[in-house]
Amino acid sequence: MTSLVPLLRSSVQTWECDDMGHMNVQFYVAKANEGLTVLAHHMGFGPTQARAAHAVLLPREHHIRFHREQRPGAPLTLEGGITGRDGDVLKVYEELTNSASGTVAATINADVILADAETRQPMALPGVMDEAIANMMTDVPQHGQPRGLTMGPPVGTPTLAQAEEMGLVYTWQGVVKPSQCTPQGFMSQQHFMGLVSDSIPNLLSQTRGDDRSNDPNIGGAALEYRFVYRSWPRERDILTLRSGLKQVGPKTYTWAHWMFDLETGKAVATAEAVAVTLDLVARKAIGIPDAMRAHLESQLVEGIGA
């Protein structure tokens, strides 16, 4: 196994944390995508070359495991490598650790392409990368492998009409803001995850009757996510989210989230997440009471996933 190369060194800012008191899931995606720019540099395709080619490394799919929550002030280090190549698609592995303790905070696997920065159309990987890619090959460690999610082929591209026919829950809707977009006007991938995160209070209020604003001692945490990016929303596009319950375990829930362009009804992204209820005092996951589990099992939806 080749050593991972250094990508980022930073820390958790207060404004990156949510009402659970830990770094919000969207900022793991933000740091992973920032790391891709540094990884491209190690592959001989740094910012100068990328600007000249009008190109950007772009994840088509993410698998993320959140190993340990990170709270304000935590020092962070991100490293990465290449775990495979299929033509012009790279398999990228990134590992975020707490710089002080050395413990793994999160692991990120991504299918990555080179794309035109202005159009998002796929591009061929330049030959200048070939030798560097071969020299950066590494293995995904056991702790970076999927645990609670099955990484089979993505679901077929759903439509908003299909989601409503299936009875998925309406959990978020809004307009893509300029602050959420790249300089070229595309919504950044951080905000795909951010919009799903923002939807969770509405999801839980409609499926479990929860209102976390009335109980500061109980919250939740994501353990694992799979995101499949299907199109690239632009500034002022209207997005809408539908969610459903895929599986219920002793402590965990598996939710599916389907994001659509409201104007066209076409899927923008599909995601799947394993989550737990969190005791915010003990900072530990708590079990699902039998009565609540029975209620949730009555809401399971067949045929959903990422």
C-alpha atoms as a PDB file:
ATOM      1  CA  MET A   1       0.000   0.000   0.000  1.00  0.00           C
ATOM      2  CA  THR A   2       1.420   3.363  -1.059  1.00  0.00           C
ATOM      3  CA  SER A   3       1.445   6.074   1.592  1.00  0.00           C
ATOM      4  CA  LEU A   4      -1.315   8.654   1.252  1.00  0.00           C
ATOM      5  CA  VAL A   5      -0.218  12.127   0.182  1.00  0.00           C
ATOM      6  CA  PRO A   6      -0.970  15.210   2.321  1.00  0.00           C
ATOM      7  CA  LEU A   7      -3.880  17.267   1.035  1.00  0.00           C
ATOM      8  CA  LEU A   8      -5.142  19.641   3.739  1.00  0.00           C
ATOM      9  CA  ARG A   9      -4.388  20.693   7.305  1.00  0.00           C
ATOM     10  CA  SER A  10      -7.036  22.795   8.999  1.00  0.00           C
ATOM     11  CA  SER A  11      -9.363  22.839  12.004  1.00  0.00           C
ATOM     12  CA  VAL A  12     -13.056  22.779  12.856  1.00  0.00           C
ATOM     13  CA  GLN A  13     -14.561  26.257  12.965  1.00  0.00           C
ATOM     14  CA  THR A  14     -17.580  27.107  15.112  1.00  0.00           C
ATOM     15  CA  TRP A  15     -19.533  28.198  12.045  1.00  0.00           C
ATOM     16  CA  GLU A  16     -19.015  24.721  10.528  1.00  0.00           C
ATOM     17  CA  CYS A  17     -20.901  23.100  13.429  1.00  0.00           C
ATOM     18  CA  ASP A  18     -24.612  22.486  13.715  1.00  0.00           C
ATOM     19  CA  ASP A  19     -27.101  22.255  16.574  1.00  0.00           C
ATOM     20  CA  MET A  20     -25.635  18.843  17.476  1.00  0.00           C
ATOM     21  CA  GLY A  21     -22.411  20.611  18.480  1.00  0.00           C
ATOM     22  CA  HIS A  22     -20.220  18.853  15.898  1.00  0.00           C
ATOM     23  CA  MET A  23     -18.939  19.586  12.398  1.00  0.00           C
ATOM     24  CA  ASN A  24     -21.852  19.334   9.993  1.00  0.00           C
ATOM     25  CA  VAL A  25     -21.746  16.675   7.276  1.00  0.00           C
ATOM     26  CA  GLN A  26     -21.609  19.243   4.461  1.00  0.00           C
ATOM     27  CA  PHE A  27     -18.170  20.417   5.575  1.00  0.00           C
ATOM     28  CA  TYR A  28     -16.709  16.920   5.256  1.00  0.00           C
ATOM     29  CA  VAL A  29     -17.765  17.085   1.604  1.00  0.00           C
ATOM     30  CA  ALA A  30     -16.333  20.597   1.291  1.00  0.00           C
ATOM     31  CA  LYS A  31     -12.947  19.499   2.647  1.00  0.00           C
ATOM     32  CA  ALA A  32     -12.923  16.355   0.491  1.00  0.00           C
ATOM     33  CA  ASN A  33     -13.563  18.422  -2.652  1.00  0.00           C
ATOM     34  CA  GLU A  34     -10.921  20.963  -1.668  1.00  0.00           C
ATOM     35  CA  GLY A  35      -8.546  18.040  -1.243  1.00  0.00           C
ATOM     36  CA  LEU A  36      -9.162  16.995  -4.863  1.00  0.00           C
ATOM     37  CA  THR A  37      -7.570  20.217  -6.072  1.00  0.00           C
ATOM     38  CA  VAL A  38      -4.416  19.386  -4.111  1.00  0.00           C
ATOM     39  CA  LEU A  39      -4.541  15.777  -5.304  1.00  0.00           C
ATOM     40  CA  ALA A  40      -4.650  17.038  -8.909  1.00  0.00           C
ATOM     41  CA  HIS A  41      -1.482  19.016  -8.172  1.00  0.00           C
ATOM     42  CA  HIS A  42       0.223  15.791  -7.039  1.00  0.00           C
ATOM     43  CA  MET A  43      -0.900  14.225 -10.327  1.00  0.00           C
ATOM     44  CA  GLY A  44       0.855  16.944 -12.339  1.00  0.00           C
ATOM     45  CA  PHE A  45      -2.336  18.893 -13.039  1.00  0.00           C
ATOM     46  CA  GLY A  46      -2.183  21.827 -10.658  1.00  0.00           C
ATOM     47  CA  PRO A  47      -4.194  25.068 -10.659  1.00  0.00           C
ATOM     48  CA  THR A  48      -2.217  26.648 -13.534  1.00  0.00           C
ATOM     49  CA  GLN A  49      -2.808  23.648 -15.821  1.00  0.00           C
ATOM     50  CA  ALA A  50      -6.446  23.341 -14.701  1.00  0.00           C
ATOM     51  CA  ARG A  51      -7.136  27.004 -15.486  1.00  0.00           C
ATOM     52  CA  ALA A  52      -5.502  26.710 -18.887  1.00  0.00           C
ATOM     53  CA  ALA A  53      -7.598  23.632 -19.700  1.00  0.00           C
ATOM     54  CA  HIS A  54     -10.780  25.102 -18.147  1.00  0.00           C
ATOM     55  CA  ALA A  55     -11.074  21.802 -16.251  1.00  0.00           C
ATOM     56  CA  VAL A  56     -11.955  20.594 -12.769  1.00  0.00           C
ATOM     57  CA  LEU A  57     -11.879  17.232 -10.970  1.00  0.00           C
ATOM     58  CA  LEU A  58     -15.478  16.389 -10.179  1.00  0.00           C
ATOM     59  CA  PRO A  59     -16.906  13.548  -8.040  1.00  0.00           C
ATOM     60  CA  ARG A  60     -19.764  11.622  -9.649  1.00  0.00           C
ATOM     61  CA  GLU A  61     -20.384   9.605  -6.505  1.00  0.00           C
ATOM     62  CA  HIS A  62     -19.347   9.763  -2.844  1.00  0.00           C
ATOM     63  CA  HIS A  63     -19.262   7.174  -0.079  1.00  0.00           C
ATOM     64  CA  ILE A  64     -18.498   8.694   3.316  1.00  0.00           C
ATOM     65  CA  ARG A  65     -18.137   7.081   6.736  1.00  0.00           C
ATOM     66  CA  PHE A  66     -18.170   9.334   9.775  1.00  0.00           C
ATOM     67  CA  HIS A  67     -16.035   7.560  12.377  1.00  0.00           C
ATOM     68  CA  ARG A  68     -15.817  10.112  15.202  1.00  0.00           C
ATOM     69  CA  GLU A  69     -17.569  13.426  15.605  1.00  0.00           C
ATOM     70  CA  GLN A  70     -15.349  16.502  15.467  1.00  0.00           C
ATOM     71  CA  ARG A  71     -16.176  19.519  17.617  1.00  0.00           C
ATOM     72  CA  PRO A  72     -15.137  23.184  17.416  1.00  0.00           C
ATOM     73  CA  GLY A  73     -11.396  23.689  17.600  1.00  0.00           C
ATOM     74  CA  ALA A  74     -10.448  20.136  16.608  1.00  0.00           C
ATOM     75  CA  PRO A  75      -7.287  20.063  14.431  1.00  0.00           C
ATOM     76  CA  LEU A  76      -7.719  18.144  11.174  1.00  0.00           C
ATOM     77  CA  THR A  77      -5.474  16.545   8.559  1.00  0.00           C
ATOM     78  CA  LEU A  78      -6.670  15.215   5.184  1.00  0.00           C
ATOM     79  CA  GLU A  79      -4.648  12.751   3.103  1.00  0.00           C
ATOM     80  CA  GLY A  80      -5.516  10.902  -0.082  1.00  0.00           C
ATOM     81  CA  GLY A  81      -4.581   8.559  -2.881  1.00  0.00           C
ATOM     82  CA  ILE A  82      -5.825   6.710  -5.967  1.00  0.00           C
ATOM     83  CA  THR A  83      -7.350   3.261  -5.491  1.00  0.00           C
ATOM     84  CA  GLY A  84      -8.207   2.470  -9.098  1.00  0.00           C
ATOM     85  CA  ARG A  85      -8.805   3.711 -12.602  1.00  0.00           C
ATOM     86  CA  ASP A  86     -11.447   2.760 -15.161  1.00  0.00           C
ATOM     87  CA  GLY A  87     -10.637   4.661 -18.327  1.00  0.00           C
ATOM     88  CA  ASP A  88     -11.168   8.317 -17.473  1.00  0.00           C
ATOM     89  CA  VAL A  89     -12.794   7.594 -14.084  1.00  0.00           C
ATOM     90  CA  LEU A  90     -10.537   7.676 -11.029  1.00  0.00           C
ATOM     91  CA  LYS A  91     -11.268   5.930  -7.750  1.00  0.00           C
ATOM     92  CA  VAL A  92     -10.095   8.326  -5.031  1.00  0.00           C
ATOM     93  CA  TYR A  93      -9.699   7.612  -1.316  1.00  0.00           C
ATOM     94  CA  GLU A  94      -9.398  10.404   1.260  1.00  0.00           C
ATOM     95  CA  GLU A  95      -8.931  10.037   5.006  1.00  0.00           C
ATOM     96  CA  LEU A  96      -9.609  12.795   7.524  1.00  0.00           C
ATOM     97  CA  THR A  97      -7.906  12.440  10.904  1.00  0.00           C
ATOM     98  CA  ASN A  98      -7.744  14.427  14.104  1.00  0.00           C
ATOM     99  CA  SER A  99      -4.204  15.851  14.009  1.00  0.00           C
ATOM    100  CA  ALA A 100      -3.831  15.745  17.794  1.00  0.00           C
ATOM    101  CA  SER A 101      -4.998  12.195  18.497  1.00  0.00           C
ATOM    102  CA  GLY A 102      -4.322  10.608  15.104  1.00  0.00           C
ATOM    103  CA  THR A 103      -7.756   8.976  15.200  1.00  0.00           C
ATOM    104  CA  VAL A 104      -9.764   8.698  11.994  1.00  0.00           C
ATOM    105  CA  ALA A 105     -12.583  11.212  11.773  1.00  0.00           C
ATOM    106  CA  ALA A 106     -13.971  10.224   8.364  1.00  0.00           C
ATOM    107  CA  THR A 107     -13.165   8.216   5.256  1.00  0.00           C
ATOM    108  CA  ILE A 108     -14.269   9.275   1.785  1.00  0.00           C
ATOM    109  CA  ASN A 109     -14.348   7.205  -1.396  1.00  0.00           C
ATOM    110  CA  ALA A 110     -15.227   8.937  -4.661  1.00  0.00           C
ATOM    111  CA  ASP A 111     -15.619   8.174  -8.349  1.00  0.00           C
ATOM    112  CA  VAL A 112     -13.974  11.205  -9.937  1.00  0.00           C
ATOM    113  CA  ILE A 113     -13.879  12.545 -13.501  1.00  0.00           C
ATOM    114  CA  LEU A 114     -12.205  15.486 -15.170  1.00  0.00           C
ATOM    115  CA  ALA A 115     -14.869  17.876 -16.456  1.00  0.00           C
ATOM    116  CA  ASP A 116     -15.112  21.136 -18.347  1.00  0.00           C
ATOM    117  CA  ALA A 117     -15.459  23.817 -15.659  1.00  0.00           C
ATOM    118  CA  GLU A 118     -17.935  25.828 -17.763  1.00  0.00           C
ATOM    119  CA  THR A 119     -20.202  23.022 -18.988  1.00  0.00           C
ATOM    120  CA  ARG A 120     -19.522  20.075 -16.639  1.00  0.00           C
ATOM    121  CA  GLN A 121     -19.070  17.822 -19.672  1.00  0.00           C
ATOM    122  CA  PRO A 122     -16.620  14.929 -19.032  1.00  0.00           C
ATOM    123  CA  MET A 123     -13.098  15.276 -20.451  1.00  0.00           C
ATOM    124  CA  ALA A 124     -10.327  12.763 -21.079  1.00  0.00           C
ATOM    125  CA  LEU A 125      -7.632  12.600 -18.422  1.00  0.00           C
ATOM    126  CA  PRO A 126      -4.475  14.186 -19.867  1.00  0.00           C
ATOM    127  CA  GLY A 127      -1.522  11.896 -20.458  1.00  0.00           C
ATOM    128  CA  VAL A 128       0.607  14.014 -18.127  1.00  0.00           C
ATOM    129  CA  MET A 129      -1.306  12.386 -15.250  1.00  0.00           C
ATOM    130  CA  ASP A 130      -0.638   8.771 -16.224  1.00  0.00           C
ATOM    131  CA  GLU A 131       2.675   8.180 -14.485  1.00  0.00           C
ATOM    132  CA  ALA A 132       1.678  10.065 -11.346  1.00  0.00           C
ATOM    133  CA  ILE A 133      -1.602   8.137 -11.103  1.00  0.00           C
ATOM    134  CA  ALA A 134       0.258   4.829 -11.396  1.00  0.00           C
ATOM    135  CA  ASN A 135       2.690   5.892  -8.671  1.00  0.00           C
ATOM    136  CA  MET A 136      -0.098   7.014  -6.321  1.00  0.00           C
ATOM    137  CA  MET A 137      -2.052   3.755  -6.339  1.00  0.00           C
ATOM    138  CA  THR A 138      -3.076   2.575  -2.892  1.00  0.00           C
ATOM    139  CA  ASP A 139      -5.595   0.250  -1.234  1.00  0.00           C
ATOM    140  CA  VAL A 140      -8.734   1.193   0.644  1.00  0.00           C
ATOM    141  CA  PRO A 141      -8.100   0.180   4.274  1.00  0.00           C
ATOM    142  CA  GLN A 142     -10.660  -1.958   6.048  1.00  0.00           C
ATOM    143  CA  HIS A 143     -11.940   1.006   8.055  1.00  0.00           C
ATOM    144  CA  GLY A 144     -12.588   2.849   4.791  1.00  0.00           C
ATOM    145  CA  GLN A 145     -14.865   0.146   3.376  1.00  0.00           C
ATOM    146  CA  PRO A 146     -18.684   0.429   3.411  1.00  0.00           C
ATOM    147  CA  ARG A 147     -20.223  -0.910   6.604  1.00  0.00           C
ATOM    148  CA  GLY A 148     -23.946  -0.215   6.796  1.00  0.00           C
ATOM    149  CA  LEU A 149     -24.652   0.422   3.115  1.00  0.00           C
ATOM    150  CA  THR A 150     -24.604  -1.951   0.143  1.00  0.00           C
ATOM    151  CA  MET A 151     -22.701  -0.360  -2.728  1.00  0.00           C
ATOM    152  CA  GLY A 152     -24.513  -1.934  -5.655  1.00  0.00           C
ATOM    153  CA  PRO A 153     -25.506  -0.179  -8.870  1.00  0.00           C
ATOM    154  CA  PRO A 154     -27.393   3.081  -8.253  1.00  0.00           C
ATOM    155  CA  VAL A 155     -31.169   3.092  -8.520  1.00  0.00           C
ATOM    156  CA  GLY A 156     -32.572   4.048 -11.896  1.00  0.00           C
ATOM    157  CA  THR A 157     -32.998   7.782 -12.322  1.00  0.00           C
ATOM    158  CA  PRO A 158     -36.288   8.604 -10.531  1.00  0.00           C
ATOM    159  CA  THR A 159     -38.681  11.453 -11.287  1.00  0.00           C
ATOM    160  CA  LEU A 160     -40.559  13.709  -8.903  1.00  0.00           C
ATOM    161  CA  ALA A 161     -43.844  12.172 -10.057  1.00  0.00           C
ATOM    162  CA  GLN A 162     -42.576   8.696  -9.156  1.00  0.00           C
ATOM    163  CA  ALA A 163     -41.429   9.893  -5.726  1.00  0.00           C
ATOM    164  CA  GLU A 164     -44.868  11.306  -5.004  1.00  0.00           C
ATOM    165  CA  GLU A 165     -46.574   8.124  -6.218  1.00  0.00           C
ATOM    166  CA  MET A 166     -44.374   6.166  -3.785  1.00  0.00           C
ATOM    167  CA  GLY A 167     -45.469   8.363  -0.908  1.00  0.00           C
ATOM    168  CA  LEU A 168     -42.053   9.843  -0.113  1.00  0.00           C
ATOM    169  CA  VAL A 169     -42.062  12.659   2.416  1.00  0.00           C
ATOM    170  CA  TYR A 170     -41.697  16.290   1.295  1.00  0.00           C
ATOM    171  CA  THR A 171     -38.770  17.460   3.428  1.00  0.00           C
ATOM    172  CA  TRP A 172     -37.110  20.480   1.781  1.00  0.00           C
ATOM    173  CA  GLN A 173     -37.588  22.973  -1.026  1.00  0.00           C
ATOM    174  CA  GLY A 174     -35.776  26.156  -2.001  1.00  0.00           C
ATOM    175  CA  VAL A 175     -33.793  28.173  -4.515  1.00  0.00           C
ATOM    176  CA  VAL A 176     -30.089  27.686  -5.277  1.00  0.00           C
ATOM    177  CA  LYS A 177     -28.357  30.799  -3.934  1.00  0.00           C
ATOM    178  CA  PRO A 178     -25.317  32.533  -5.462  1.00  0.00           C
ATOM    179  CA  SER A 179     -23.356  31.818  -2.271  1.00  0.00           C
ATOM    180  CA  GLN A 180     -23.897  28.076  -2.853  1.00  0.00           C
ATOM    181  CA  CYS A 181     -22.397  28.129  -6.337  1.00  0.00           C
ATOM    182  CA  THR A 182     -19.003  27.870  -7.992  1.00  0.00           C
ATOM    183  CA  PRO A 183     -17.690  30.850 -10.003  1.00  0.00           C
ATOM    184  CA  GLN A 184     -19.187  29.138 -13.072  1.00  0.00           C
ATOM    185  CA  GLY A 185     -22.648  29.189 -11.461  1.00  0.00           C
ATOM    186  CA  PHE A 186     -23.040  25.495 -10.543  1.00  0.00           C
ATOM    187  CA  MET A 187     -24.163  24.464  -7.058  1.00  0.00           C
ATOM    188  CA  SER A 188     -21.126  23.063  -5.239  1.00  0.00           C
ATOM    189  CA  GLN A 189     -21.312  19.521  -3.933  1.00  0.00           C
ATOM    190  CA  GLN A 190     -21.015  20.689  -0.352  1.00  0.00           C
ATOM    191  CA  HIS A 191     -24.521  22.068  -0.669  1.00  0.00           C
ATOM    192  CA  PHE A 192     -26.071  18.852  -1.999  1.00  0.00           C
ATOM    193  CA  MET A 193     -25.214  17.416   1.399  1.00  0.00           C
ATOM    194  CA  GLY A 194     -26.104  20.670   3.160  1.00  0.00           C
ATOM    195  CA  LEU A 195     -29.641  20.689   1.771  1.00  0.00           C
ATOM    196  CA  VAL A 196     -30.208  17.102   2.886  1.00  0.00           C
ATOM    197  CA  SER A 197     -28.890  18.009   6.334  1.00  0.00           C
ATOM    198  CA  ASP A 198     -31.267  20.988   6.484  1.00  0.00           C
ATOM    199  CA  SER A 199     -34.182  18.676   5.664  1.00  0.00           C
ATOM    200  CA  ILE A 200     -33.742  16.330   8.625  1.00  0.00           C
ATOM    201  CA  PRO A 201     -35.830  18.276  11.193  1.00  0.00           C
ATOM    202  CA  ASN A 202     -38.781  18.241   8.780  1.00  0.00           C
ATOM    203  CA  LEU A 203     -38.208  14.552   8.038  1.00  0.00           C
ATOM    204  CA  LEU A 204     -38.234  13.578  11.718  1.00  0.00           C
ATOM    205  CA  SER A 205     -41.204  15.771  12.575  1.00  0.00           C
ATOM    206  CA  GLN A 206     -43.272  14.061   9.883  1.00  0.00           C
ATOM    207  CA  THR A 207     -42.128  10.473  10.491  1.00  0.00           C
ATOM    208  CA  ARG A 208     -41.542  10.384  14.257  1.00  0.00           C
ATOM    209  CA  GLY A 209     -43.275  13.477  15.571  1.00  0.00           C
ATOM    210  CA  ASP A 210     -39.950  14.898  16.803  1.00  0.00           C
ATOM    211  CA  ASP A 211     -39.193  18.558  17.379  1.00  0.00           C
ATOM    212  CA  ARG A 212     -35.572  18.748  18.437  1.00  0.00           C
ATOM    213  CA  SER A 213     -35.896  22.444  19.257  1.00  0.00           C
ATOM    214  CA  ASN A 214     -37.905  21.352  22.315  1.00  0.00           C
ATOM    215  CA  ASP A 215     -35.358  18.780  23.539  1.00  0.00           C
ATOM    216  CA  PRO A 216     -31.749  20.028  23.700  1.00  0.00           C
ATOM    217  CA  ASN A 217     -30.526  16.685  25.072  1.00  0.00           C
ATOM    218  CA  ILE A 218     -31.482  14.544  22.073  1.00  0.00           C
ATOM    219  CA  GLY A 219     -30.122  14.879  18.564  1.00  0.00           C
ATOM    220  CA  GLY A 220     -28.835  12.699  15.775  1.00  0.00           C
ATOM    221  CA  ALA A 221     -25.745  11.812  13.796  1.00  0.00           C
ATOM    222  CA  ALA A 222     -25.013  10.336  10.387  1.00  0.00           C
ATOM    223  CA  LEU A 223     -22.759   7.289  10.361  1.00  0.00           C
ATOM    224  CA  GLU A 224     -22.491   6.699   6.635  1.00  0.00           C
ATOM    225  CA  TYR A 225     -23.627   8.341   3.387  1.00  0.00           C
ATOM    226  CA  ARG A 226     -23.746   7.471  -0.272  1.00  0.00           C
ATOM    227  CA  PHE A 227     -24.386  10.305  -2.727  1.00  0.00           C
ATOM    228  CA  VAL A 228     -24.923   9.854  -6.476  1.00  0.00           C
ATOM    229  CA  TYR A 229     -24.739  13.138  -8.401  1.00  0.00           C
ATOM    230  CA  ARG A 230     -26.960  13.023 -11.479  1.00  0.00           C
ATOM    231  CA  SER A 231     -27.003  16.597 -12.790  1.00  0.00           C
ATOM    232  CA  TRP A 232     -25.616  19.995 -11.880  1.00  0.00           C
ATOM    233  CA  PRO A 233     -28.089  22.628 -10.620  1.00  0.00           C
ATOM    234  CA  ARG A 234     -27.446  26.261 -11.501  1.00  0.00           C
ATOM    235  CA  GLU A 235     -27.953  29.475  -9.584  1.00  0.00           C
ATOM    236  CA  ARG A 236     -31.677  30.233  -9.035  1.00  0.00           C
ATOM    237  CA  ASP A 237     -32.810  26.705  -9.931  1.00  0.00           C
ATOM    238  CA  ILE A 238     -35.580  25.493  -7.632  1.00  0.00           C
ATOM    239  CA  LEU A 239     -34.803  22.214  -5.880  1.00  0.00           C
ATOM    240  CA  THR A 240     -37.144  19.972  -3.918  1.00  0.00           C
ATOM    241  CA  LEU A 241     -36.391  16.952  -1.750  1.00  0.00           C
ATOM    242  CA  ARG A 242     -38.369  13.778  -1.056  1.00  0.00           C
ATOM    243  CA  SER A 243     -37.272  11.246   1.557  1.00  0.00           C
ATOM    244  CA  GLY A 244     -38.260   7.787   2.731  1.00  0.00           C
ATOM    245  CA  LEU A 245     -37.274   5.094   5.182  1.00  0.00           C
ATOM    246  CA  LYS A 246     -35.422   2.118   3.715  1.00  0.00           C
ATOM    247  CA  GLN A 247     -34.452   0.101   6.801  1.00  0.00           C
ATOM    248  CA  VAL A 248     -34.744   0.115  10.596  1.00  0.00           C
ATOM    249  CA  GLY A 249     -32.227  -1.628  12.866  1.00  0.00           C
ATOM    250  CA  PRO A 250     -31.753  -1.886  16.657  1.00  0.00           C
ATOM    251  CA  LYS A 251     -30.103   1.560  16.804  1.00  0.00           C
ATOM    252  CA  THR A 252     -29.857   2.783  13.228  1.00  0.00           C
ATOM    253  CA  TYR A 253     -32.155   4.047  10.495  1.00  0.00           C
ATOM    254  CA  THR A 254     -31.395   3.987   6.784  1.00  0.00           C
ATOM    255  CA  TRP A 255     -33.002   6.889   4.951  1.00  0.00           C
ATOM    256  CA  ALA A 256     -33.089   7.592   1.224  1.00  0.00           C
ATOM    257  CA  HIS A 257     -33.210  11.147  -0.103  1.00  0.00           C
ATOM    258  CA  TRP A 258     -34.125  12.033  -3.679  1.00  0.00           C
ATOM    259  CA  MET A 259     -33.440  15.586  -4.877  1.00  0.00           C
ATOM    260  CA  PHE A 260     -35.235  16.994  -7.904  1.00  0.00           C
ATOM    261  CA  ASP A 261     -35.356  20.081 -10.082  1.00  0.00           C
ATOM    262  CA  LEU A 262     -38.880  21.359  -9.402  1.00  0.00           C
ATOM    263  CA  GLU A 263     -39.235  22.863 -12.871  1.00  0.00           C
ATOM    264  CA  THR A 264     -38.334  19.716 -14.825  1.00  0.00           C
ATOM    265  CA  GLY A 265     -39.159  17.005 -12.265  1.00  0.00           C
ATOM    266  CA  LYS A 266     -35.821  15.334 -13.070  1.00  0.00           C
ATOM    267  CA  ALA A 267     -33.481  13.913 -10.438  1.00  0.00           C
ATOM    268  CA  VAL A 268     -30.523  16.051  -9.425  1.00  0.00           C
ATOM    269  CA  ALA A 269     -29.090  13.567  -6.916  1.00  0.00           C
ATOM    270  CA  THR A 270     -30.003  10.482  -4.924  1.00  0.00           C
ATOM    271  CA  ALA A 271     -28.584   9.651  -1.524  1.00  0.00           C
ATOM    272  CA  GLU A 272     -28.760   7.028   1.183  1.00  0.00           C
ATOM    273  CA  ALA A 273     -27.744   7.497   4.814  1.00  0.00           C
ATOM    274  CA  VAL A 274     -27.363   5.432   7.969  1.00  0.00           C
ATOM    275  CA  ALA A 275     -28.111   7.519  11.059  1.00  0.00           C
ATOM    276  CA  VAL A 276     -28.583   7.173  14.807  1.00  0.00           C
ATOM    277  CA  THR A 277     -30.325   9.077  17.553  1.00  0.00           C
ATOM    278  CA  LEU A 278     -27.715  10.739  19.740  1.00  0.00           C
ATOM    279  CA  ASP A 279     -27.736  11.469  23.465  1.00  0.00           C
ATOM    280  CA  LEU A 280     -26.110  14.917  23.380  1.00  0.00           C
ATOM    281  CA  VAL A 281     -25.130  14.751  27.058  1.00  0.00           C
ATOM    282  CA  ALA A 282     -23.385  11.352  26.962  1.00  0.00           C
ATOM    283  CA  ARG A 283     -22.435  11.812  23.243  1.00  0.00           C
ATOM    284  CA  LYS A 284     -23.574   8.245  22.611  1.00  0.00           C
ATOM    285  CA  ALA A 285     -26.056   6.581  20.279  1.00  0.00           C
ATOM    286  CA  ILE A 286     -29.250   5.388  21.924  1.00  0.00           C
ATOM    287  CA  GLY A 287     -31.524   2.528  20.944  1.00  0.00           C
ATOM    288  CA  ILE A 288     -34.890   2.744  19.235  1.00  0.00           C
ATOM    289  CA  PRO A 289     -37.801   1.908  21.568  1.00  0.00           C
ATOM    290  CA  ASP A 290     -39.902  -1.042  20.400  1.00  0.00           C
ATOM    291  CA  ALA A 291     -43.054   1.039  19.940  1.00  0.00           C
ATOM    292  CA  MET A 292     -41.193   3.583  17.823  1.00  0.00           C
ATOM    293  CA  ARG A 293     -39.579   0.827  15.771  1.00  0.00           C
ATOM    294  CA  ALA A 294     -42.981  -0.689  15.031  1.00  0.00           C
ATOM    295  CA  HIS A 295     -44.255   2.725  13.966  1.00  0.00           C
ATOM    296  CA  LEU A 296     -41.239   3.309  11.727  1.00  0.00           C
ATOM    297  CA  GLU A 297     -41.429  -0.131  10.152  1.00  0.00           C
ATOM    298  CA  SER A 298     -44.948   0.722   9.032  1.00  0.00           C
ATOM    299  CA  GLN A 299     -43.423   3.567   6.982  1.00  0.00           C
ATOM    300  CA  LEU A 300     -40.796   1.541   5.089  1.00  0.00           C
ATOM    301  CA  VAL A 301     -40.757   2.219   1.350  1.00  0.00           C
ATOM    302  CA  GLU A 302     -39.725  -0.441  -1.158  1.00  0.00           C
ATOM    303  CA  GLY A 303     -37.525   0.400  -4.091  1.00  0.00           C
ATOM    304  CA  ILE A 304     -35.717   3.421  -2.644  1.00  0.00           C
ATOM    305  CA  GLY A 305     -32.003   3.986  -2.246  1.00  0.00           C
ATOM    306  CA  ALA A 306     -29.163   5.888  -3.812  1.00  0.00           C
END
